Amino acid sequence: MDALAFGPFDLRGVPASLNPGMAGDQVLLGMSVLKHLEFTQRGDTLILRALGS
């Protein structure tokens, strides 16, 4: 089964693609991932939580 795991999150069955043009350890999360998370920005910090947590 395909999965995307990062930090405390483990999402399965989420459409994704890799962008080899991203520099270093940068990652771009699209709406196919973000719709499974609650996110809040406080200053320059983005806080991610699993929906329902």
C-alpha atoms as a PDB file:
ATOM      1  CA  MET A   1       0.000   0.000   0.000  1.00  0.00           C
ATOM      2  CA  ASP A   2       1.320   3.434  -0.878  1.00  0.00           C
ATOM      3  CA  ALA A   3       1.805   5.753   2.072  1.00  0.00           C
ATOM      4  CA  LEU A   4       3.135   9.187   2.923  1.00  0.00           C
ATOM      5  CA  ALA A   5       4.726   9.437   6.350  1.00  0.00           C
ATOM      6  CA  PHE A   6       6.263  12.523   7.917  1.00  0.00           C
ATOM      7  CA  GLY A   7       6.633  13.428  11.574  1.00  0.00           C
ATOM      8  CA  PRO A   8       3.690  11.910  13.481  1.00  0.00           C
ATOM      9  CA  PHE A   9       1.555  11.634  10.317  1.00  0.00           C
ATOM     10  CA  ASP A  10       0.960   8.506   8.271  1.00  0.00           C
ATOM     11  CA  LEU A  11      -1.419   9.028   5.341  1.00  0.00           C
ATOM     12  CA  ARG A  12      -2.484   6.219   3.019  1.00  0.00           C
ATOM     13  CA  GLY A  13      -4.053   6.341  -0.421  1.00  0.00           C
ATOM     14  CA  VAL A  14      -3.198  10.017  -0.955  1.00  0.00           C
ATOM     15  CA  PRO A  15      -2.316  10.982  -4.539  1.00  0.00           C
ATOM     16  CA  ALA A  16       1.219  12.390  -4.635  1.00  0.00           C
ATOM     17  CA  SER A  17       4.132  13.082  -6.935  1.00  0.00           C
ATOM     18  CA  LEU A  18       7.811  13.797  -6.406  1.00  0.00           C
ATOM     19  CA  ASN A  19       9.342  17.002  -7.690  1.00  0.00           C
ATOM     20  CA  PRO A  20      13.060  16.423  -8.296  1.00  0.00           C
ATOM     21  CA  GLY A  21      13.523  20.169  -8.871  1.00  0.00           C
ATOM     22  CA  MET A  22      13.078  21.004  -5.174  1.00  0.00           C
ATOM     23  CA  ALA A  23      16.320  22.046  -3.503  1.00  0.00           C
ATOM     24  CA  GLY A  24      17.838  20.169  -0.558  1.00  0.00           C
ATOM     25  CA  ASP A  25      15.315  18.861   1.967  1.00  0.00           C
ATOM     26  CA  GLN A  26      12.442  21.132   0.840  1.00  0.00           C
ATOM     27  CA  VAL A  27       9.036  19.497   0.460  1.00  0.00           C
ATOM     28  CA  LEU A  28       5.857  20.850  -1.085  1.00  0.00           C
ATOM     29  CA  LEU A  29       2.599  19.486   0.350  1.00  0.00           C
ATOM     30  CA  GLY A  30      -0.408  19.879  -1.932  1.00  0.00           C
ATOM     31  CA  MET A  31      -4.102  19.983  -1.121  1.00  0.00           C
ATOM     32  CA  SER A  32      -4.370  16.191  -1.566  1.00  0.00           C
ATOM     33  CA  VAL A  33      -2.351  15.981   1.688  1.00  0.00           C
ATOM     34  CA  LEU A  34      -3.436  19.176   3.443  1.00  0.00           C
ATOM     35  CA  LYS A  35      -7.152  18.293   3.246  1.00  0.00           C
ATOM     36  CA  HIS A  36      -6.378  15.485   5.730  1.00  0.00           C
ATOM     37  CA  LEU A  37      -4.770  17.911   8.198  1.00  0.00           C
ATOM     38  CA  GLU A  38      -5.740  20.939  10.234  1.00  0.00           C
ATOM     39  CA  PHE A  39      -3.187  23.679   9.857  1.00  0.00           C
ATOM     40  CA  THR A  40      -2.724  26.966  11.707  1.00  0.00           C
ATOM     41  CA  GLN A  41      -0.108  29.639  11.156  1.00  0.00           C
ATOM     42  CA  ARG A  42       1.281  31.538  14.132  1.00  0.00           C
ATOM     43  CA  GLY A  43       3.841  34.078  13.016  1.00  0.00           C
ATOM     44  CA  ASP A  44       6.393  32.212  10.927  1.00  0.00           C
ATOM     45  CA  THR A  45       5.387  28.783  12.319  1.00  0.00           C
ATOM     46  CA  LEU A  46       2.939  26.406  10.607  1.00  0.00           C
ATOM     47  CA  ILE A  47       1.266  23.983  13.035  1.00  0.00           C
ATOM     48  CA  LEU A  48      -0.131  20.760  11.557  1.00  0.00           C
ATOM     49  CA  ARG A  49      -2.589  18.432  13.318  1.00  0.00           C
ATOM     50  CA  ALA A  50      -4.473  15.377  12.147  1.00  0.00           C
ATOM     51  CA  LEU A  51      -8.137  16.193  11.615  1.00  0.00           C
ATOM     52  CA  GLY A  52     -10.178  15.192  14.653  1.00  0.00           C
ATOM     53  CA  SER A  53      -7.234  15.452  17.075  1.00  0.00           C
END
